[in-house]
Amino acid sequence: IYDNTISLIQSTFDEYQAAVTAKQIKVELAFAAEYHLTPDLLAAVEAQQVPFLGEVEGEEILLLELPHTSVPASAVQLVRWLRSNNIRPLIAHPERNQEIIRHPEKMRPLASLGAMFQLTAGSITGVFGSKSQHAAEQILKSGLGHVIASDAHNLSRRSPELAGAMHAAAAII
């Protein structure tokens, strides 16, 4: 539902950067965004409109969100295509994907191609319910959890849970 292209994010980022500069706040800012698995993803990559998270070992990191209910059959081909284009997918909140909750083995083919997985801190601490918490624990135990992130939308409704998640993850692994 979000059109997270560089061209759409850039203007808001520029406004924010100008406000920070005007206040003489010494901070380096950058932007990135989660990109949903949609039919326009390949075209967006080719048009250099995907807001990558950064680079690791010469590969751009794409925060990729799967549909919430499934792991599409095309996901393996997509990961293969991304890797052939020097892009490593970091799959956001797999522990909240309904198919992965029921069948965690659905992650293995993606992992074998080099996809990484980002767990939501609130899932680890139980904010997203027991099913997501159990799935997050299983992902951590299997060694497939590469990143823990806040997925914070704001400070009141979905606040960062990083400290609690760090301690919970440490206890699990």
C-alpha atoms as a PDB file:
ATOM      1  CA  ILE A   1       0.000   0.000   0.000  1.00  0.00           C
ATOM      2  CA  TYR A   2       3.029   2.310   0.239  1.00  0.00           C
ATOM      3  CA  ASP A   3       4.827   3.568  -2.838  1.00  0.00           C
ATOM      4  CA  ASN A   4       8.320   3.677  -1.365  1.00  0.00           C
ATOM      5  CA  THR A   5      10.297   4.913  -4.353  1.00  0.00           C
ATOM      6  CA  ILE A   6      13.302   7.193  -4.055  1.00  0.00           C
ATOM      7  CA  SER A   7      11.583   9.969  -5.992  1.00  0.00           C
ATOM      8  CA  LEU A   8       8.613  10.027  -3.598  1.00  0.00           C
ATOM      9  CA  ILE A   9      10.695   9.844  -0.417  1.00  0.00           C
ATOM     10  CA  GLN A  10      13.337  12.362  -1.526  1.00  0.00           C
ATOM     11  CA  SER A  11      11.226  15.529  -1.219  1.00  0.00           C
ATOM     12  CA  THR A  12      10.097  14.752   2.330  1.00  0.00           C
ATOM     13  CA  PHE A  13      13.648  13.822   3.261  1.00  0.00           C
ATOM     14  CA  ASP A  14      14.963  17.099   1.795  1.00  0.00           C
ATOM     15  CA  GLU A  15      12.450  19.082   3.890  1.00  0.00           C
ATOM     16  CA  TYR A  16      13.496  17.216   7.023  1.00  0.00           C
ATOM     17  CA  GLN A  17      17.196  17.662   6.229  1.00  0.00           C
ATOM     18  CA  ALA A  18      16.636  21.423   5.758  1.00  0.00           C
ATOM     19  CA  ALA A  19      14.873  21.663   9.138  1.00  0.00           C
ATOM     20  CA  VAL A  20      17.700  19.794  10.872  1.00  0.00           C
ATOM     21  CA  THR A  21      20.296  22.002   9.186  1.00  0.00           C
ATOM     22  CA  ALA A  22      18.355  25.173  10.120  1.00  0.00           C
ATOM     23  CA  LYS A  23      18.339  24.058  13.776  1.00  0.00           C
ATOM     24  CA  GLN A  24      22.098  23.359  13.494  1.00  0.00           C
ATOM     25  CA  ILE A  25      21.648  19.799  14.729  1.00  0.00           C
ATOM     26  CA  LYS A  26      24.795  17.795  14.079  1.00  0.00           C
ATOM     27  CA  VAL A  27      23.505  14.487  12.748  1.00  0.00           C
ATOM     28  CA  GLU A  28      24.019  12.575   9.525  1.00  0.00           C
ATOM     29  CA  LEU A  29      20.723  11.544   7.968  1.00  0.00           C
ATOM     30  CA  ALA A  30      19.891   9.023   5.286  1.00  0.00           C
ATOM     31  CA  PHE A  31      16.708   7.341   4.164  1.00  0.00           C
ATOM     32  CA  ALA A  32      15.620   3.887   3.174  1.00  0.00           C
ATOM     33  CA  ALA A  33      12.331   2.032   3.118  1.00  0.00           C
ATOM     34  CA  GLU A  34      10.710  -1.335   3.108  1.00  0.00           C
ATOM     35  CA  TYR A  35       9.607  -2.371  -0.384  1.00  0.00           C
ATOM     36  CA  HIS A  36       6.625  -4.643  -0.853  1.00  0.00           C
ATOM     37  CA  LEU A  37       6.843  -7.604  -3.185  1.00  0.00           C
ATOM     38  CA  THR A  38       4.774  -6.182  -6.026  1.00  0.00           C
ATOM     39  CA  PRO A  39       4.706  -6.629  -9.795  1.00  0.00           C
ATOM     40  CA  ASP A  40       6.570  -3.312 -10.238  1.00  0.00           C
ATOM     41  CA  LEU A  41       9.566  -4.307  -8.089  1.00  0.00           C
ATOM     42  CA  LEU A  42      11.794  -5.431 -10.981  1.00  0.00           C
ATOM     43  CA  ALA A  43      11.048  -2.275 -12.947  1.00  0.00           C
ATOM     44  CA  ALA A  44      11.744  -0.131  -9.874  1.00  0.00           C
ATOM     45  CA  VAL A  45      15.113  -1.863  -9.398  1.00  0.00           C
ATOM     46  CA  GLU A  46      16.005  -1.335 -13.047  1.00  0.00           C
ATOM     47  CA  ALA A  47      14.924   2.340 -12.841  1.00  0.00           C
ATOM     48  CA  GLN A  48      17.069   2.780  -9.699  1.00  0.00           C
ATOM     49  CA  GLN A  49      14.028   3.822  -7.662  1.00  0.00           C
ATOM     50  CA  VAL A  50      14.394   1.347  -4.795  1.00  0.00           C
ATOM     51  CA  PRO A  51      15.507   2.950  -1.512  1.00  0.00           C
ATOM     52  CA  PHE A  52      18.140   0.446  -0.405  1.00  0.00           C
ATOM     53  CA  LEU A  53      19.183   0.191   3.245  1.00  0.00           C
ATOM     54  CA  GLY A  54      22.852   0.302   2.423  1.00  0.00           C
ATOM     55  CA  GLU A  55      25.528  -1.999   1.136  1.00  0.00           C
ATOM     56  CA  VAL A  56      27.194  -5.113   2.548  1.00  0.00           C
ATOM     57  CA  GLU A  57      30.057  -6.911   0.836  1.00  0.00           C
ATOM     58  CA  GLY A  58      29.399  -5.094  -2.453  1.00  0.00           C
ATOM     59  CA  GLU A  59      25.672  -5.847  -2.516  1.00  0.00           C
ATOM     60  CA  GLU A  60      22.823  -3.405  -2.011  1.00  0.00           C
ATOM     61  CA  ILE A  61      20.459  -4.418   0.794  1.00  0.00           C
ATOM     62  CA  LEU A  62      16.757  -4.413  -0.085  1.00  0.00           C
ATOM     63  CA  LEU A  63      14.310  -4.544   2.823  1.00  0.00           C
ATOM     64  CA  LEU A  64      11.662  -6.709   1.205  1.00  0.00           C
ATOM     65  CA  GLU A  65       8.188  -7.284   2.592  1.00  0.00           C
ATOM     66  CA  LEU A  66       6.345 -10.420   1.552  1.00  0.00           C
ATOM     67  CA  PRO A  67       2.551 -10.547   1.552  1.00  0.00           C
ATOM     68  CA  HIS A  68       1.298 -11.027   5.120  1.00  0.00           C
ATOM     69  CA  THR A  69      -0.517 -14.279   4.345  1.00  0.00           C
ATOM     70  CA  SER A  70       1.824 -16.194   2.056  1.00  0.00           C
ATOM     71  CA  VAL A  71       5.220 -16.821   0.549  1.00  0.00           C
ATOM     72  CA  PRO A  72       4.569 -16.547  -3.187  1.00  0.00           C
ATOM     73  CA  ALA A  73       5.931 -19.323  -5.383  1.00  0.00           C
ATOM     74  CA  SER A  74       7.786 -16.621  -7.312  1.00  0.00           C
ATOM     75  CA  ALA A  75       9.776 -15.562  -4.220  1.00  0.00           C
ATOM     76  CA  VAL A  76      12.596 -18.022  -4.974  1.00  0.00           C
ATOM     77  CA  GLN A  77      12.946 -16.726  -8.537  1.00  0.00           C
ATOM     78  CA  LEU A  78      12.841 -13.151  -7.265  1.00  0.00           C
ATOM     79  CA  VAL A  79      15.615 -13.783  -4.725  1.00  0.00           C
ATOM     80  CA  ARG A  80      17.679 -15.479  -7.441  1.00  0.00           C
ATOM     81  CA  TRP A  81      17.155 -12.474  -9.778  1.00  0.00           C
ATOM     82  CA  LEU A  82      17.988  -9.965  -7.042  1.00  0.00           C
ATOM     83  CA  ARG A  83      21.206 -11.794  -6.142  1.00  0.00           C
ATOM     84  CA  SER A  84      22.222 -11.917  -9.817  1.00  0.00           C
ATOM     85  CA  ASN A  85      21.850  -8.118  -9.797  1.00  0.00           C
ATOM     86  CA  ASN A  86      24.047  -7.613  -6.694  1.00  0.00           C
ATOM     87  CA  ILE A  87      21.089  -7.111  -4.383  1.00  0.00           C
ATOM     88  CA  ARG A  88      20.680  -9.056  -1.175  1.00  0.00           C
ATOM     89  CA  PRO A  89      17.125  -9.213   0.109  1.00  0.00           C
ATOM     90  CA  LEU A  90      16.547  -8.700   3.807  1.00  0.00           C
ATOM     91  CA  ILE A  91      13.041 -10.074   4.345  1.00  0.00           C
ATOM     92  CA  ALA A  92      11.092  -8.038   6.865  1.00  0.00           C
ATOM     93  CA  HIS A  93       9.199  -9.654   9.734  1.00  0.00           C
ATOM     94  CA  PRO A  94       8.951 -13.257   8.483  1.00  0.00           C
ATOM     95  CA  GLU A  95       7.649 -14.233  11.931  1.00  0.00           C
ATOM     96  CA  ARG A  96       4.453 -12.305  11.177  1.00  0.00           C
ATOM     97  CA  ASN A  97       3.853 -13.997   7.795  1.00  0.00           C
ATOM     98  CA  GLN A  98       0.955 -16.441   8.237  1.00  0.00           C
ATOM     99  CA  GLU A  99       2.427 -19.115   5.957  1.00  0.00           C
ATOM    100  CA  ILE A 100       5.836 -18.977   7.657  1.00  0.00           C
ATOM    101  CA  ILE A 101       4.137 -19.211  11.063  1.00  0.00           C
ATOM    102  CA  ARG A 102       2.489 -22.471   9.902  1.00  0.00           C
ATOM    103  CA  HIS A 103       5.411 -23.734   7.783  1.00  0.00           C
ATOM    104  CA  PRO A 104       8.741 -22.224   8.886  1.00  0.00           C
ATOM    105  CA  GLU A 105      10.543 -24.437   6.373  1.00  0.00           C
ATOM    106  CA  LYS A 106       9.305 -22.011   3.677  1.00  0.00           C
ATOM    107  CA  MET A 107      12.242 -19.798   4.688  1.00  0.00           C
ATOM    108  CA  ARG A 108      14.913 -22.381   3.833  1.00  0.00           C
ATOM    109  CA  PRO A 109      14.903 -22.057   0.005  1.00  0.00           C
ATOM    110  CA  LEU A 110      15.157 -18.270   0.326  1.00  0.00           C
ATOM    111  CA  ALA A 111      17.945 -18.556   2.897  1.00  0.00           C
ATOM    112  CA  SER A 112      19.849 -21.034   0.726  1.00  0.00           C
ATOM    113  CA  LEU A 113      19.954 -18.374  -2.002  1.00  0.00           C
ATOM    114  CA  GLY A 114      21.359 -15.814   0.429  1.00  0.00           C
ATOM    115  CA  ALA A 115      18.256 -13.990   1.617  1.00  0.00           C
ATOM    116  CA  MET A 116      18.524 -12.644   5.135  1.00  0.00           C
ATOM    117  CA  PHE A 117      15.691 -12.173   7.633  1.00  0.00           C
ATOM    118  CA  GLN A 118      14.822  -9.227   9.866  1.00  0.00           C
ATOM    119  CA  LEU A 119      12.755  -9.919  12.964  1.00  0.00           C
ATOM    120  CA  THR A 120      10.535  -7.303  14.556  1.00  0.00           C
ATOM    121  CA  ALA A 121      11.527  -6.539  18.134  1.00  0.00           C
ATOM    122  CA  GLY A 122       7.891  -6.526  19.266  1.00  0.00           C
ATOM    123  CA  SER A 123       7.418 -10.040  17.941  1.00  0.00           C
ATOM    124  CA  ILE A 124      10.277 -11.300  20.075  1.00  0.00           C
ATOM    125  CA  THR A 125       8.844  -9.627  23.181  1.00  0.00           C
ATOM    126  CA  GLY A 126       5.280 -10.809  22.516  1.00  0.00           C
ATOM    127  CA  VAL A 127       3.696  -7.496  21.443  1.00  0.00           C
ATOM    128  CA  PHE A 128       2.431  -9.110  18.221  1.00  0.00           C
ATOM    129  CA  GLY A 129       0.982 -12.132  19.997  1.00  0.00           C
ATOM    130  CA  SER A 130       2.056 -15.624  20.922  1.00  0.00           C
ATOM    131  CA  LYS A 131       2.117 -17.051  17.377  1.00  0.00           C
ATOM    132  CA  SER A 132       4.523 -14.396  16.116  1.00  0.00           C
ATOM    133  CA  GLN A 133       6.571 -14.684  19.301  1.00  0.00           C
ATOM    134  CA  HIS A 134       6.871 -18.457  18.921  1.00  0.00           C
ATOM    135  CA  ALA A 135       7.813 -18.093  15.238  1.00  0.00           C
ATOM    136  CA  ALA A 136      10.460 -15.483  16.132  1.00  0.00           C
ATOM    137  CA  GLU A 137      11.915 -17.818  18.755  1.00  0.00           C
ATOM    138  CA  GLN A 138      12.079 -20.671  16.214  1.00  0.00           C
ATOM    139  CA  ILE A 139      13.740 -18.424  13.634  1.00  0.00           C
ATOM    140  CA  LEU A 140      16.342 -17.322  16.180  1.00  0.00           C
ATOM    141  CA  LYS A 141      16.998 -20.910  17.273  1.00  0.00           C
ATOM    142  CA  SER A 142      17.414 -21.992  13.633  1.00  0.00           C
ATOM    143  CA  GLY A 143      20.048 -19.302  13.033  1.00  0.00           C
ATOM    144  CA  LEU A 144      17.998 -17.564  10.341  1.00  0.00           C
ATOM    145  CA  GLY A 145      17.388 -14.320  12.232  1.00  0.00           C
ATOM    146  CA  HIS A 146      19.985 -11.857  10.949  1.00  0.00           C
ATOM    147  CA  VAL A 147      18.628  -8.505  12.148  1.00  0.00           C
ATOM    148  CA  ILE A 148      16.329  -7.281  14.904  1.00  0.00           C
ATOM    149  CA  ALA A 149      14.613  -3.994  14.082  1.00  0.00           C
ATOM    150  CA  SER A 150      11.978  -1.847  15.725  1.00  0.00           C
ATOM    151  CA  ASP A 151       9.446  -1.561  12.876  1.00  0.00           C
ATOM    152  CA  ALA A 152       8.439   1.501  14.885  1.00  0.00           C
ATOM    153  CA  HIS A 153       5.734   3.592  13.292  1.00  0.00           C
ATOM    154  CA  ASN A 154       5.639   6.182  16.078  1.00  0.00           C
ATOM    155  CA  LEU A 155       6.349   6.446  19.805  1.00  0.00           C
ATOM    156  CA  SER A 156       2.809   5.818  21.046  1.00  0.00           C
ATOM    157  CA  ARG A 157       1.162   3.127  18.921  1.00  0.00           C
ATOM    158  CA  ARG A 158       4.130   1.004  17.895  1.00  0.00           C
ATOM    159  CA  SER A 159       7.147   2.100  19.851  1.00  0.00           C
ATOM    160  CA  PRO A 160      10.628   0.631  19.551  1.00  0.00           C
ATOM    161  CA  GLU A 161      11.109  -2.506  21.656  1.00  0.00           C
ATOM    162  CA  LEU A 162      14.800  -2.959  20.955  1.00  0.00           C
ATOM    163  CA  ALA A 163      16.209  -3.273  24.482  1.00  0.00           C
ATOM    164  CA  GLY A 164      13.634  -5.858  25.541  1.00  0.00           C
ATOM    165  CA  ALA A 165      14.068  -7.744  22.273  1.00  0.00           C
ATOM    166  CA  MET A 166      17.845  -7.776  22.638  1.00  0.00           C
ATOM    167  CA  HIS A 167      17.593  -9.353  26.092  1.00  0.00           C
ATOM    168  CA  ALA A 168      14.914 -11.836  24.988  1.00  0.00           C
ATOM    169  CA  ALA A 169      16.913 -12.837  21.889  1.00  0.00           C
ATOM    170  CA  ALA A 170      20.065 -13.249  23.952  1.00  0.00           C
ATOM    171  CA  ALA A 171      18.213 -15.614  26.286  1.00  0.00           C
ATOM    172  CA  ILE A 172      16.975 -17.654  23.310  1.00  0.00           C
ATOM    173  CA  ILE A 173      20.295 -17.982  21.492  1.00  0.00           C
END
